[in-house]
């Protein structure tokens, strides 16, 4: 791990990521409680928050990926934090004036900005770290995400309940402003295109999108990766909304007990991220991904059959560990074996596909359970996880990175990238 913490760019990215994630959780909890109070617990108002969070993934993700491939990543991330800072500042004045509905704009702006910042962060990691260090970097990032799942809701809830919405918004100003300041210390070299690497921009948004899709379709690795993502997300969508029924129907516990099982999964993800960081490079990615997904399927079977809280909690903990391992390997594959100039567009395709399948699974699971039973639904999801594990074995993880397509029709891709 010394090689990571000795890398200035990586450390600064992690500090920025820490501040942004704390800000996101403060925002999520503050807006949820505030809207619940102002709307008299109106479910429509609460559900609108979810719609605002997911809509940009479908509408803007591909565009954000294309522009992230064109723009300088350091400057893109700094401007993202500045725009988030300005939007929160504007909303703070509007809320003080009494127009509470304007808080929805905070979530929308933040969700839109993330579609540009996330692929830019991936590009910087790709540029500042050698390939052999990428798995450990993604594992460490996964550990941070898991830590926020555990601590984030508590921090956000405490600030809102103790000081109110205005204090929550002011803390967002400090965090986003601080993140922009931290990112400004990134070395200017992260904005430079690697030597020998030509631009993948065709000069037009549509042309760049087509090039991105062609790049994915032409790669056996990326097609298998996309299929694994689709099946994983569908299985995850089937079981995600049914946690409450496992707790109340199978375990005969109160609804409030859900939080403890969710915390166990977060702890598992934290442990899984640490394990992935330690064994990164020592175990073949194919074997690690297969083991993670196959055991995830088995633990899903056991979880729904269990009528003992201790066993269910243990399965939830193991599920968190295995999900962290699987996500770390999949992210490392993207970072290691995908051409750097296509990372933004690949992210722009993967995110909407994953989110879409997750929502499809969540949308049909209620009808599926009503027509069958919760055991059938969980066994279906577990089977999907097992299928994805066998498909993952076809990933050519040890081959050379996927390179830019070489074809006469793609000579337009030789133009310089547009700078932000």
Protein backbone atom coordinates (compact mmCIF):
# COMPACT_ATOMS: atom_id res chain seq x y z
CA UNK A 1 0.00 0.00 0.00
CA UNK A 2 3.02 2.30 0.37
CA UNK A 3 3.19 2.86 -3.36
CA UNK A 4 -0.37 4.25 -3.29
CA UNK A 5 0.05 6.61 -0.34
CA UNK A 6 3.35 7.76 -1.82
CA UNK A 7 1.54 8.86 -5.00
CA UNK A 8 0.58 12.52 -4.64
CA UNK A 9 -2.20 12.47 -7.23
CA UNK A 10 -3.86 9.39 -5.76
CA UNK A 11 -3.75 10.74 -2.19
CA UNK A 12 -5.29 14.06 -3.27
CA UNK A 13 -8.03 12.22 -5.16
CA UNK A 14 -8.82 10.16 -2.06
CA UNK A 15 -9.01 13.29 0.13
CA UNK A 16 -11.32 14.94 -2.40
CA UNK A 17 -13.41 11.77 -2.63
CA UNK A 18 -13.70 11.69 1.17
CA UNK A 19 -14.99 15.27 1.30
CA UNK A 20 -17.41 14.76 -1.59
CA UNK A 21 -18.90 11.58 -0.11
CA UNK A 22 -19.39 13.15 3.30
CA UNK A 23 -21.10 16.04 1.51
CA UNK A 24 -23.35 13.67 -0.45
CA UNK A 25 -24.53 11.89 2.69
CA UNK A 26 -25.15 15.16 4.52
CA UNK A 27 -27.16 16.30 1.51
CA UNK A 28 -29.11 13.03 1.22
CA UNK A 29 -30.14 12.89 4.86
CA UNK A 30 -30.83 16.63 5.20
CA UNK A 31 -33.03 16.76 2.10
CA UNK A 32 -34.88 13.57 3.04
CA UNK A 33 -35.78 14.83 6.52
CA UNK A 34 -36.48 18.37 5.34
CA UNK A 35 -38.82 17.26 2.55
CA UNK A 36 -40.58 14.80 4.86
CA UNK A 37 -41.30 17.68 7.26
CA UNK A 38 -42.32 20.25 4.66
CA UNK A 39 -44.50 17.89 2.61
CA UNK A 40 -46.19 16.27 5.62
CA UNK A 41 -44.64 12.89 4.74
CA UNK A 42 -45.88 13.02 1.14
CA UNK A 43 -44.55 9.86 -0.62
CA UNK A 44 -44.68 11.62 -3.99
CA UNK A 45 -42.28 14.32 -2.81
CA UNK A 46 -39.95 11.74 -1.32
CA UNK A 47 -39.99 9.56 -4.46
CA UNK A 48 -39.19 12.64 -6.56
CA UNK A 49 -35.79 12.74 -4.87
CA UNK A 50 -35.02 9.25 -6.18
CA UNK A 51 -36.17 10.19 -9.67
CA UNK A 52 -33.92 13.25 -9.65
CA UNK A 53 -30.96 11.13 -8.54
CA UNK A 54 -31.41 8.47 -11.23
CA UNK A 55 -32.63 10.54 -14.20
CA UNK A 56 -29.24 12.14 -15.02
CA UNK A 57 -27.68 8.66 -15.25
CA UNK A 58 -29.91 7.86 -18.23
CA UNK A 59 -30.10 11.33 -19.78
CA UNK A 60 -26.58 12.69 -19.28
CA UNK A 61 -24.28 9.75 -18.51
CA UNK A 62 -23.19 9.08 -22.10
CA UNK A 63 -22.81 12.79 -22.86
CA UNK A 64 -20.83 13.21 -19.65
CA UNK A 65 -18.62 10.30 -20.63
CA UNK A 66 -17.92 11.76 -24.09
CA UNK A 67 -17.06 15.18 -22.67
CA UNK A 68 -14.93 13.62 -19.93
CA UNK A 69 -12.91 11.91 -22.67
CA UNK A 70 -12.46 15.27 -24.41
CA UNK A 71 -11.83 17.56 -21.48
CA UNK A 72 -8.91 17.83 -19.08
CA UNK A 73 -9.83 15.63 -16.07
CA UNK A 74 -8.32 17.83 -13.37
CA UNK A 75 -10.04 20.96 -14.62
CA UNK A 76 -13.32 19.06 -15.11
CA UNK A 77 -13.37 17.85 -11.51
CA UNK A 78 -12.48 21.27 -10.11
CA UNK A 79 -15.23 22.94 -12.10
CA UNK A 80 -17.64 20.22 -10.94
CA UNK A 81 -16.97 21.11 -7.31
CA UNK A 82 -17.21 24.83 -8.07
CA UNK A 83 -20.59 24.35 -9.76
CA UNK A 84 -21.80 22.27 -6.80
CA UNK A 85 -20.60 25.01 -4.44
CA UNK A 86 -22.43 27.74 -6.39
CA UNK A 87 -25.64 25.71 -6.63
CA UNK A 88 -25.70 25.08 -2.87
CA UNK A 89 -25.01 28.77 -2.24
CA UNK A 90 -27.93 29.75 -4.46
CA UNK A 91 -30.26 27.21 -2.84
CA UNK A 92 -29.26 28.43 0.61
CA UNK A 93 -30.45 31.95 -0.22
CA UNK A 94 -33.64 30.61 -1.83
CA UNK A 95 -34.47 28.44 1.19
CA UNK A 96 -33.86 31.36 3.54
CA UNK A 97 -36.36 33.30 1.40
CA UNK A 98 -38.98 30.61 2.05
CA UNK A 99 -39.04 28.66 -1.25
CA UNK A 100 -38.25 25.21 0.19
CA UNK A 101 -39.13 23.37 -3.04
CA UNK A 102 -35.88 24.66 -4.51
CA UNK A 103 -33.94 22.03 -2.51
CA UNK A 104 -34.72 19.54 -5.28
CA UNK A 105 -32.30 21.51 -7.46
CA UNK A 106 -29.39 20.61 -5.14
CA UNK A 107 -29.85 16.92 -5.84
CA UNK A 108 -30.28 17.49 -9.58
CA UNK A 109 -27.14 19.60 -9.97
CA UNK A 110 -25.08 17.19 -7.86
CA UNK A 111 -26.33 14.18 -9.84
CA UNK A 112 -25.56 15.89 -13.15
CA UNK A 113 -22.07 16.98 -12.09
CA UNK A 114 -21.19 13.45 -10.94
CA UNK A 115 -21.68 12.19 -14.50
CA UNK A 116 -18.65 14.30 -15.48
CA UNK A 117 -16.54 13.98 -12.34
CA UNK A 118 -16.58 10.20 -11.94
CA UNK A 119 -15.06 9.27 -15.33
CA UNK A 120 -12.56 12.12 -14.95
CA UNK A 121 -11.40 10.65 -11.64
CA UNK A 122 -11.00 7.25 -13.31
CA UNK A 123 -8.88 8.82 -16.06
CA UNK A 124 -6.57 10.45 -13.51
CA UNK A 125 -6.06 7.14 -11.66
CA UNK A 126 -5.36 5.45 -14.98
CA UNK A 127 -2.73 8.08 -15.80
CA UNK A 128 -1.01 8.40 -12.44
CA UNK A 129 -0.75 4.72 -11.47
CA UNK A 130 0.88 1.76 -13.25
CA UNK A 131 -1.51 -1.05 -14.19
CA UNK A 132 -0.25 -3.40 -11.49
CA UNK A 133 -1.27 -0.91 -8.78
CA UNK A 134 -4.80 -0.30 -10.10
CA UNK A 135 -6.47 -3.28 -8.30
CA UNK A 136 -5.16 -2.08 -4.92
CA UNK A 137 -6.30 1.48 -5.71
CA UNK A 138 -9.82 0.37 -6.65
CA UNK A 139 -9.97 -1.85 -3.54
CA UNK A 140 -9.00 1.08 -1.32
CA UNK A 141 -11.63 3.23 -3.00
CA UNK A 142 -14.19 0.47 -2.38
CA UNK A 143 -13.23 0.44 1.30
CA UNK A 144 -13.86 4.19 1.52
CA UNK A 145 -17.29 3.76 -0.09
CA UNK A 146 -18.18 1.04 2.40
CA UNK A 147 -17.11 3.22 5.30
CA UNK A 148 -19.43 5.98 4.09
CA UNK A 149 -22.33 3.51 3.88
CA UNK A 150 -21.80 2.80 7.59
CA UNK A 151 -20.99 6.29 8.90
CA UNK A 152 -22.59 8.59 6.30
CA UNK A 153 -26.23 8.30 7.43
CA UNK A 154 -25.24 8.86 11.06
CA UNK A 155 -23.18 11.98 10.23
CA UNK A 156 -25.89 13.44 7.99
CA UNK A 157 -28.67 12.72 10.49
CA UNK A 158 -26.71 14.16 13.42
CA UNK A 159 -25.92 17.44 11.65
CA UNK A 160 -29.52 17.94 10.49
CA UNK A 161 -31.14 17.07 13.81
CA UNK A 162 -28.69 19.15 15.83
CA UNK A 163 -28.38 22.24 13.61
CA UNK A 164 -31.04 22.10 10.86
CA UNK A 165 -31.06 22.47 7.06
CA UNK A 166 -29.15 25.75 6.83
CA UNK A 167 -26.22 24.34 8.80
CA UNK A 168 -26.28 21.24 6.57
CA UNK A 169 -26.11 23.42 3.45
CA UNK A 170 -23.30 25.54 4.90
CA UNK A 171 -21.33 22.37 5.65
CA UNK A 172 -21.82 21.40 1.99
CA UNK A 173 -20.30 24.73 0.96
CA UNK A 174 -17.25 24.02 3.11
CA UNK A 175 -16.86 20.48 1.78
CA UNK A 176 -17.30 21.23 -1.93
CA UNK A 177 -15.12 24.32 -1.68
CA UNK A 178 -12.47 22.34 0.20
CA UNK A 179 -12.61 19.55 -2.38
CA UNK A 180 -12.03 22.03 -5.23
CA UNK A 181 -9.08 23.48 -3.31
CA UNK A 182 -7.57 20.01 -2.76
CA UNK A 183 -7.96 19.11 -6.43
CA UNK A 184 -6.17 22.32 -7.44
CA UNK A 185 -2.98 20.81 -5.97
CA UNK A 186 -3.09 17.87 -8.38
CA UNK A 187 0.00 17.86 -10.62
CA UNK A 188 -0.63 19.44 -14.02
CA UNK A 189 0.69 16.26 -15.64
CA UNK A 190 -2.66 14.52 -15.05
CA UNK A 191 -4.17 16.80 -17.69
CA UNK A 192 -1.61 15.77 -20.28
CA UNK A 193 -2.41 13.03 -22.79
CA UNK A 194 0.07 10.16 -22.36
CA UNK A 195 2.87 10.06 -24.92
CA UNK A 196 2.10 7.87 -27.88
CA UNK A 197 -1.62 8.07 -27.18
CA UNK A 198 -3.68 9.70 -29.90
CA UNK A 199 -6.95 11.48 -29.38
CA UNK A 200 -10.16 9.49 -29.71
CA UNK A 201 -12.27 12.55 -30.54
CA UNK A 202 -13.93 12.72 -33.94
CA UNK A 203 -14.83 16.39 -33.51
CA UNK A 204 -18.56 15.79 -33.00
CA UNK A 205 -20.59 14.45 -30.08
CA UNK A 206 -22.46 11.95 -32.26
CA UNK A 207 -19.25 10.73 -33.86
CA UNK A 208 -17.63 10.22 -30.46
CA UNK A 209 -20.67 8.29 -29.20
CA UNK A 210 -20.60 6.01 -32.24
CA UNK A 211 -16.88 5.43 -31.77
CA UNK A 212 -17.49 4.52 -28.13
CA UNK A 213 -20.20 1.97 -29.00
CA UNK A 214 -18.02 0.53 -31.78
CA UNK A 215 -15.15 0.18 -29.33
CA UNK A 216 -17.34 -1.80 -26.91
CA UNK A 217 -18.94 -4.00 -29.57
CA UNK A 218 -15.56 -4.87 -31.09
CA UNK A 219 -14.10 -6.07 -27.78
CA UNK A 220 -14.91 -9.59 -26.51
CA UNK A 221 -13.74 -8.52 -23.03
CA UNK A 222 -16.10 -5.56 -22.84
CA UNK A 223 -19.06 -7.52 -24.18
CA UNK A 224 -18.58 -10.18 -21.50
CA UNK A 225 -18.09 -7.47 -18.87
CA UNK A 226 -21.32 -5.76 -19.93
CA UNK A 227 -23.21 -9.06 -19.76
CA UNK A 228 -21.91 -9.72 -16.24
CA UNK A 229 -23.04 -6.21 -15.23
CA UNK A 230 -26.52 -6.78 -16.68
CA UNK A 231 -27.13 -10.10 -14.93
CA UNK A 232 -25.67 -8.87 -11.61
CA UNK A 233 -27.83 -5.77 -11.66
CA UNK A 234 -31.00 -7.69 -12.47
CA UNK A 235 -30.38 -10.09 -9.59
CA UNK A 236 -29.56 -7.23 -7.25
CA UNK A 237 -32.70 -5.38 -8.28
CA UNK A 238 -34.86 -8.43 -7.46
CA UNK A 239 -33.68 -8.71 -3.86
CA UNK A 240 -32.93 -5.09 -2.95
CA UNK A 241 -36.54 -4.00 -2.20
CA UNK A 242 -37.34 -7.23 -0.32
CA UNK A 243 -34.94 -6.82 2.60
CA UNK A 244 -37.80 -5.62 4.77
CA UNK A 245 -39.80 -8.81 4.07
CA UNK A 246 -36.87 -11.06 4.96
CA UNK A 247 -36.64 -9.27 8.29
CA UNK A 248 -40.36 -9.18 9.08
CA UNK A 249 -41.64 -12.42 7.49
CA UNK A 250 -38.73 -14.84 7.65
CA UNK A 251 -37.12 -13.62 10.89
CA UNK A 252 -40.28 -12.26 12.59
CA UNK A 253 -38.45 -9.07 13.67
CA UNK A 254 -39.57 -5.44 13.81
CA UNK A 255 -39.07 -3.25 10.72
CA UNK A 256 -36.56 -1.10 12.58
CA UNK A 257 -34.17 -4.07 12.65
CA UNK A 258 -33.44 -3.50 8.95
CA UNK A 259 -30.83 -0.87 9.84
CA UNK A 260 -28.66 -3.39 11.69
CA UNK A 261 -28.59 -5.86 8.82
CA UNK A 262 -27.79 -3.01 6.42
CA UNK A 263 -24.93 -1.97 8.70
CA UNK A 264 -23.63 -5.56 8.69
CA UNK A 265 -23.53 -5.50 4.90
CA UNK A 266 -21.64 -2.20 5.02
CA UNK A 267 -19.12 -3.71 7.44
CA UNK A 268 -18.77 -6.67 5.09
CA UNK A 269 -18.06 -4.36 2.17
CA UNK A 270 -15.42 -2.59 4.23
CA UNK A 271 -13.77 -5.91 5.08
CA UNK A 272 -14.02 -7.03 1.46
CA UNK A 273 -12.34 -3.85 0.26
CA UNK A 274 -9.47 -4.35 2.69
CA UNK A 275 -9.07 -8.00 1.64
CA UNK A 276 -9.07 -7.02 -2.03
CA UNK A 277 -6.39 -4.40 -1.37
CA UNK A 278 -4.18 -6.96 0.42
CA UNK A 279 -4.48 -9.75 -2.13
CA UNK A 280 -4.53 -7.51 -5.23
CA UNK A 281 -2.11 -8.90 -7.78
CA UNK A 282 -1.62 -12.13 -5.82
CA UNK A 283 -4.81 -13.88 -6.97
CA UNK A 284 -5.99 -14.03 -10.58
CA UNK A 285 -8.91 -11.71 -11.18
CA UNK A 286 -10.90 -14.46 -12.94
CA UNK A 287 -10.78 -16.70 -9.89
CA UNK A 288 -11.57 -13.88 -7.46
CA UNK A 289 -14.54 -12.68 -9.48
CA UNK A 290 -15.88 -16.22 -9.96
CA UNK A 291 -15.55 -16.99 -6.25
CA UNK A 292 -17.21 -13.71 -5.25
CA UNK A 293 -20.21 -14.07 -7.56
CA UNK A 294 -20.74 -17.80 -6.99
CA UNK A 295 -20.64 -17.50 -3.19
CA UNK A 296 -22.92 -14.46 -3.51
CA UNK A 297 -25.47 -16.73 -5.20
CA UNK A 298 -25.15 -19.38 -2.50
CA UNK A 299 -25.42 -16.84 0.33
CA UNK A 300 -28.60 -15.47 -1.31
CA UNK A 301 -30.14 -18.96 -1.13
CA UNK A 302 -29.17 -19.38 2.51
CA UNK A 303 -30.35 -15.90 3.51
CA UNK A 304 -33.93 -16.40 2.37
CA UNK A 305 -34.15 -19.93 3.84
CA UNK A 306 -32.80 -18.84 7.22
CA UNK A 307 -35.16 -18.21 10.12
CA UNK A 308 -32.35 -17.37 12.54
CA UNK A 309 -31.19 -13.72 12.82
CA UNK A 310 -27.59 -14.73 13.55
CA UNK A 311 -27.36 -16.85 10.38
CA UNK A 312 -29.05 -14.17 8.27
CA UNK A 313 -26.73 -11.53 9.70
CA UNK A 314 -23.72 -13.71 8.92
CA UNK A 315 -24.92 -14.16 5.34
CA UNK A 316 -25.46 -10.41 5.01
CA UNK A 317 -21.92 -9.82 6.25
CA UNK A 318 -20.52 -12.38 3.79
CA UNK A 319 -22.61 -10.86 0.99
CA UNK A 320 -21.03 -7.48 1.69
CA UNK A 321 -17.53 -8.98 1.56
CA UNK A 322 -18.19 -10.81 -1.71
CA UNK A 323 -19.88 -7.83 -3.37
CA UNK A 324 -16.86 -5.68 -2.52
CA UNK A 325 -14.51 -8.25 -4.04
CA UNK A 326 -16.62 -8.57 -7.21
CA UNK A 327 -16.98 -4.81 -7.66
CA UNK A 328 -13.26 -4.28 -7.10
CA UNK A 329 -12.33 -6.82 -9.78
CA UNK A 330 -14.83 -5.43 -12.29
CA UNK A 331 -13.60 -1.88 -11.73
CA UNK A 332 -9.98 -2.99 -11.97
CA UNK A 333 -10.73 -4.68 -15.31
CA UNK A 334 -12.13 -1.43 -16.66
CA UNK A 335 -9.20 0.59 -15.37
CA UNK A 336 -6.45 -1.81 -16.46
CA UNK A 337 -7.56 -3.14 -19.81
CA UNK A 338 -9.58 -0.32 -21.37
CA UNK A 339 -7.90 2.29 -23.55
CA UNK A 340 -7.57 5.47 -21.46
CA UNK A 341 -9.20 7.67 -24.09
CA UNK A 342 -12.40 5.58 -24.01
CA UNK A 343 -12.88 5.33 -20.23
CA UNK A 344 -15.46 8.13 -20.10
CA UNK A 345 -17.63 6.63 -22.83
CA UNK A 346 -17.39 3.13 -21.38
CA UNK A 347 -18.54 4.51 -18.02
CA UNK A 348 -21.30 6.36 -19.90
CA UNK A 349 -22.61 3.04 -21.23
CA UNK A 350 -22.05 0.84 -18.17
CA UNK A 351 -23.75 3.12 -15.63
CA UNK A 352 -27.12 3.50 -17.44
CA UNK A 353 -27.18 -0.23 -18.26
CA UNK A 354 -26.44 -1.23 -14.67
CA UNK A 355 -28.91 1.29 -13.21
CA UNK A 356 -31.57 0.37 -15.76
CA UNK A 357 -31.38 -3.35 -15.00
CA UNK A 358 -31.36 -2.60 -11.27
CA UNK A 359 -34.56 -0.58 -11.64
CA UNK A 360 -36.16 -3.23 -13.88
CA UNK A 361 -35.44 -5.88 -11.25
CA UNK A 362 -36.81 -3.64 -8.48
CA UNK A 363 -39.88 -2.83 -10.58
CA UNK A 364 -40.92 -6.42 -11.27
CA UNK A 365 -39.96 -8.01 -7.96
CA UNK A 366 -43.19 -6.97 -6.22
CA UNK A 367 -45.33 -8.63 -8.89
CA UNK A 368 -43.01 -11.63 -8.97
CA UNK A 369 -43.25 -12.12 -5.21
CA UNK A 370 -47.04 -11.68 -5.24
CA UNK A 371 -47.35 -14.36 -7.92
CA UNK A 372 -44.90 -16.77 -6.27
CA UNK A 373 -43.13 -16.28 -2.94
CA UNK A 374 -40.14 -14.50 -1.47
CA UNK A 375 -38.20 -17.79 -1.55
CA UNK A 376 -38.75 -18.13 -5.30
CA UNK A 377 -37.63 -14.54 -5.90
CA UNK A 378 -34.44 -14.97 -3.88
CA UNK A 379 -33.65 -18.29 -5.53
CA UNK A 380 -34.09 -16.61 -8.92
CA UNK A 381 -31.69 -13.85 -7.92
CA UNK A 382 -29.20 -16.37 -6.54
CA UNK A 383 -29.35 -18.31 -9.80
CA UNK A 384 -28.64 -15.13 -11.74
CA UNK A 385 -25.59 -14.47 -9.56
CA UNK A 386 -24.36 -18.02 -10.25
CA UNK A 387 -24.87 -17.56 -13.99
CA UNK A 388 -22.90 -14.32 -13.92
CA UNK A 389 -20.10 -16.08 -12.06
CA UNK A 390 -19.70 -18.68 -14.82
CA UNK A 391 -19.87 -15.99 -17.51
CA UNK A 392 -17.16 -14.02 -15.69
CA UNK A 393 -14.73 -16.89 -16.26
CA UNK A 394 -14.76 -15.95 -19.95
CA UNK A 395 -13.21 -12.57 -19.18
CA UNK A 396 -9.72 -12.51 -20.78
CA UNK A 397 -8.27 -10.66 -17.80
CA UNK A 398 -4.67 -11.62 -18.46
CA UNK A 399 -4.51 -10.42 -22.04
CA UNK A 400 -3.15 -7.11 -23.26
CA UNK A 401 -5.28 -3.99 -22.77
CA UNK A 402 -8.00 -3.32 -25.30
CA UNK A 403 -6.61 -0.85 -27.79
CA UNK A 404 -8.21 1.68 -30.09
CA UNK A 405 -9.81 0.19 -33.20
CA UNK A 406 -7.80 0.44 -36.35
CA UNK A 407 -9.99 0.86 -39.41
CA UNK A 408 -10.01 3.19 -42.43
CA UNK A 409 -13.38 4.60 -41.38
CA UNK A 410 -11.89 5.81 -38.12
CA UNK A 411 -9.23 8.17 -39.43
CA UNK A 412 -11.37 11.03 -38.13
CA UNK A 413 -10.47 9.94 -34.62
CA UNK A 414 -6.98 11.39 -35.01
CA UNK A 415 -7.97 15.00 -34.24
CA UNK A 416 -6.87 16.61 -30.97
CA UNK A 417 -9.18 16.37 -27.96
CA UNK A 418 -11.19 19.45 -27.16
CA UNK A 419 -9.86 21.16 -24.04
CA UNK A 420 -12.17 22.53 -21.37
